[in-house]
Amino acid sequence: MTQAITAYRAVTVTDKFKEAERLRTLARSNEAAALRYAREAAIAENDVKWQSVVAEKDALIAKLLAEQGKGE
């Protein structure tokens, strides 16, 4: 077991290992940023859709109220 620990420590201090760890960390960070961006874009797209639906319904209500006012 001591040999395994010693070998692990010897590997983890190498520049090659440190660079690989840096790249893995960077990749995880980039993936998280991409997922966050995709989520925010989906939310924004959904907001635009519902604003359009609400605007259509508001226009329909205004039209019906105007028609109702003319018939009185």
N, C-alpha and C. Protein backbone atom coordinates (compact mmCIF):
# COMPACT_ATOMS: atom_id res chain seq x y z
N MET A 1 0.83 -1.20 0.00
CA MET A 1 0.00 0.00 0.00
C MET A 1 0.87 1.25 0.00
N THR A 2 1.94 1.20 0.74
CA THR A 2 2.85 2.34 0.82
C THR A 2 3.43 2.63 -0.55
N GLN A 3 3.73 1.58 -1.30
CA GLN A 3 4.29 1.77 -2.64
C GLN A 3 3.27 2.45 -3.56
N ALA A 4 2.01 2.08 -3.43
CA ALA A 4 0.96 2.67 -4.25
C ALA A 4 0.81 4.16 -3.92
N ILE A 5 0.84 4.48 -2.65
CA ILE A 5 0.73 5.89 -2.24
C ILE A 5 1.92 6.68 -2.74
N THR A 6 3.09 6.11 -2.62
CA THR A 6 4.30 6.78 -3.09
C THR A 6 4.25 6.99 -4.60
N ALA A 7 3.80 5.99 -5.33
CA ALA A 7 3.68 6.11 -6.78
C ALA A 7 2.65 7.17 -7.16
N TYR A 8 1.52 7.21 -6.44
CA TYR A 8 0.49 8.21 -6.71
C TYR A 8 1.05 9.61 -6.49
N ARG A 9 1.73 9.81 -5.38
CA ARG A 9 2.32 11.12 -5.09
C ARG A 9 3.34 11.51 -6.14
N ALA A 10 4.10 10.56 -6.62
CA ALA A 10 5.12 10.85 -7.64
C ALA A 10 4.45 11.28 -8.95
N VAL A 11 3.35 10.66 -9.29
CA VAL A 11 2.65 11.00 -10.53
C VAL A 11 1.96 12.35 -10.41
N THR A 12 1.34 12.63 -9.28
CA THR A 12 0.55 13.85 -9.14
C THR A 12 1.38 15.12 -9.08
N VAL A 13 2.66 15.02 -8.86
CA VAL A 13 3.50 16.22 -8.83
C VAL A 13 4.09 16.54 -10.20
N THR A 14 3.88 15.70 -11.18
CA THR A 14 4.45 15.95 -12.50
C THR A 14 3.69 17.06 -13.21
N ASP A 15 4.38 17.78 -14.08
CA ASP A 15 3.75 18.85 -14.85
C ASP A 15 2.67 18.31 -15.78
N LYS A 16 2.90 17.13 -16.32
CA LYS A 16 1.92 16.52 -17.22
C LYS A 16 0.60 16.24 -16.48
N PHE A 17 0.68 15.73 -15.27
CA PHE A 17 -0.52 15.45 -14.48
C PHE A 17 -1.22 16.75 -14.11
N LYS A 18 -0.45 17.76 -13.69
CA LYS A 18 -1.05 19.04 -13.32
C LYS A 18 -1.77 19.68 -14.51
N GLU A 19 -1.18 19.57 -15.69
CA GLU A 19 -1.82 20.12 -16.89
C GLU A 19 -3.10 19.36 -17.22
N ALA A 20 -3.07 18.05 -17.08
CA ALA A 20 -4.27 17.25 -17.33
C ALA A 20 -5.38 17.63 -16.35
N GLU A 21 -5.04 17.84 -15.11
CA GLU A 21 -6.04 18.26 -14.10
C GLU A 21 -6.58 19.64 -14.43
N ARG A 22 -5.71 20.55 -14.85
CA ARG A 22 -6.15 21.89 -15.21
C ARG A 22 -7.14 21.82 -16.38
N LEU A 23 -6.81 21.01 -17.38
CA LEU A 23 -7.70 20.87 -18.53
C LEU A 23 -9.04 20.22 -18.16
N ARG A 24 -9.01 19.24 -17.26
CA ARG A 24 -10.27 18.62 -16.81
C ARG A 24 -11.13 19.63 -16.08
N THR A 25 -10.49 20.44 -15.23
CA THR A 25 -11.23 21.46 -14.49
C THR A 25 -11.83 22.49 -15.45
N LEU A 26 -11.05 22.90 -16.43
CA LEU A 26 -11.52 23.85 -17.42
C LEU A 26 -12.69 23.27 -18.22
N ALA A 27 -12.59 22.01 -18.59
CA ALA A 27 -13.67 21.36 -19.33
C ALA A 27 -14.96 21.31 -18.51
N ARG A 28 -14.84 20.99 -17.24
CA ARG A 28 -16.03 20.97 -16.37
C ARG A 28 -16.65 22.35 -16.26
N SER A 29 -15.81 23.36 -16.13
CA SER A 29 -16.30 24.73 -16.04
C SER A 29 -17.01 25.14 -17.33
N ASN A 30 -16.41 24.81 -18.47
CA ASN A 30 -17.02 25.13 -19.76
C ASN A 30 -18.35 24.42 -19.95
N GLU A 31 -18.41 23.18 -19.52
CA GLU A 31 -19.66 22.42 -19.64
C GLU A 31 -20.75 23.06 -18.77
N ALA A 32 -20.40 23.45 -17.56
CA ALA A 32 -21.38 24.09 -16.68
C ALA A 32 -21.86 25.40 -17.29
N ALA A 33 -20.95 26.17 -17.86
CA ALA A 33 -21.33 27.44 -18.48
C ALA A 33 -22.26 27.19 -19.68
N ALA A 34 -21.96 26.20 -20.48
CA ALA A 34 -22.80 25.88 -21.64
C ALA A 34 -24.19 25.46 -21.20
N LEU A 35 -24.27 24.65 -20.17
CA LEU A 35 -25.58 24.22 -19.66
C LEU A 35 -26.37 25.40 -19.11
N ARG A 36 -25.68 26.29 -18.40
CA ARG A 36 -26.35 27.48 -17.85
C ARG A 36 -26.87 28.36 -18.98
N TYR A 37 -26.05 28.56 -20.02
CA TYR A 37 -26.47 29.37 -21.15
C TYR A 37 -27.68 28.74 -21.85
N ALA A 38 -27.65 27.44 -22.06
CA ALA A 38 -28.76 26.75 -22.72
C ALA A 38 -30.04 26.89 -21.90
N ARG A 39 -29.92 26.77 -20.59
CA ARG A 39 -31.10 26.91 -19.72
C ARG A 39 -31.66 28.32 -19.80
N GLU A 40 -30.77 29.32 -19.72
CA GLU A 40 -31.23 30.71 -19.79
C GLU A 40 -31.86 31.02 -21.14
N ALA A 41 -31.31 30.47 -22.22
CA ALA A 41 -31.87 30.69 -23.55
C ALA A 41 -33.25 30.05 -23.66
N ALA A 42 -33.42 28.87 -23.10
CA ALA A 42 -34.72 28.20 -23.12
C ALA A 42 -35.75 28.99 -22.33
N ILE A 43 -35.35 29.51 -21.20
CA ILE A 43 -36.27 30.32 -20.38
C ILE A 43 -36.67 31.57 -21.13
N ALA A 44 -35.71 32.24 -21.77
CA ALA A 44 -36.01 33.46 -22.53
C ALA A 44 -36.95 33.16 -23.70
N GLU A 45 -36.72 32.05 -24.38
CA GLU A 45 -37.58 31.65 -25.50
C GLU A 45 -39.00 31.38 -25.00
N ASN A 46 -39.12 30.73 -23.86
CA ASN A 46 -40.42 30.46 -23.28
C ASN A 46 -41.13 31.75 -22.89
N ASP A 47 -40.38 32.70 -22.34
CA ASP A 47 -40.98 33.99 -21.96
C ASP A 47 -41.54 34.71 -23.19
N VAL A 48 -40.79 34.69 -24.29
CA VAL A 48 -41.25 35.34 -25.52
C VAL A 48 -42.54 34.68 -26.01
N LYS A 49 -42.57 33.36 -25.95
CA LYS A 49 -43.76 32.62 -26.40
C LYS A 49 -44.97 33.03 -25.58
N TRP A 50 -44.83 33.06 -24.25
CA TRP A 50 -45.98 33.37 -23.41
C TRP A 50 -46.38 34.84 -23.51
N GLN A 51 -45.44 35.72 -23.74
CA GLN A 51 -45.79 37.13 -23.95
C GLN A 51 -46.63 37.27 -25.21
N SER A 52 -46.30 36.50 -26.23
CA SER A 52 -47.07 36.51 -27.46
C SER A 52 -48.49 35.98 -27.23
N VAL A 53 -48.59 34.91 -26.47
CA VAL A 53 -49.91 34.34 -26.16
C VAL A 53 -50.76 35.34 -25.39
N VAL A 54 -50.16 35.97 -24.40
CA VAL A 54 -50.89 36.95 -23.59
C VAL A 54 -51.31 38.14 -24.45
N ALA A 55 -50.44 38.60 -25.33
CA ALA A 55 -50.78 39.73 -26.20
C ALA A 55 -51.94 39.37 -27.11
N GLU A 56 -51.95 38.16 -27.65
CA GLU A 56 -53.06 37.71 -28.51
C GLU A 56 -54.37 37.68 -27.72
N LYS A 57 -54.32 37.17 -26.52
CA LYS A 57 -55.54 37.08 -25.70
C LYS A 57 -56.00 38.48 -25.31
N ASP A 58 -55.07 39.38 -24.98
CA ASP A 58 -55.44 40.75 -24.65
C ASP A 58 -56.13 41.43 -25.83
N ALA A 59 -55.60 41.20 -27.04
CA ALA A 59 -56.20 41.78 -28.24
C ALA A 59 -57.60 41.22 -28.46
N LEU A 60 -57.76 39.92 -28.25
CA LEU A 60 -59.07 39.30 -28.41
C LEU A 60 -60.06 39.85 -27.40
N ILE A 61 -59.65 39.99 -26.17
CA ILE A 61 -60.53 40.54 -25.13
C ILE A 61 -60.92 41.97 -25.47
N ALA A 62 -59.94 42.78 -25.91
CA ALA A 62 -60.24 44.17 -26.27
C ALA A 62 -61.23 44.22 -27.43
N LYS A 63 -61.07 43.35 -28.41
CA LYS A 63 -61.98 43.30 -29.56
C LYS A 63 -63.40 42.92 -29.11
N LEU A 64 -63.49 41.90 -28.26
CA LEU A 64 -64.80 41.45 -27.78
C LEU A 64 -65.47 42.54 -26.93
N LEU A 65 -64.69 43.22 -26.11
CA LEU A 65 -65.27 44.32 -25.30
C LEU A 65 -65.73 45.45 -26.19
N ALA A 66 -64.98 45.74 -27.25
CA ALA A 66 -65.37 46.82 -28.17
C ALA A 66 -66.65 46.43 -28.89
N GLU A 67 -66.74 45.18 -29.31
CA GLU A 67 -67.94 44.71 -30.00
C GLU A 67 -69.15 44.73 -29.05
N GLN A 68 -68.90 44.37 -27.81
CA GLN A 68 -69.96 44.35 -26.82
C GLN A 68 -70.46 45.77 -26.55
N GLY A 69 -69.54 46.73 -26.53
CA GLY A 69 -69.92 48.12 -26.29
C GLY A 69 -70.74 48.70 -27.44
N LYS A 70 -70.49 48.24 -28.64
CA LYS A 70 -71.24 48.73 -29.82
C LYS A 70 -72.67 48.17 -29.83
N GLY A 71 -72.84 47.00 -29.29
CA GLY A 71 -74.15 46.35 -29.33
C GLY A 71 -75.10 46.82 -28.25
N GLU A 72 -74.63 47.60 -27.33
CA GLU A 72 -75.52 48.04 -26.22
C GLU A 72 -76.43 49.12 -26.59
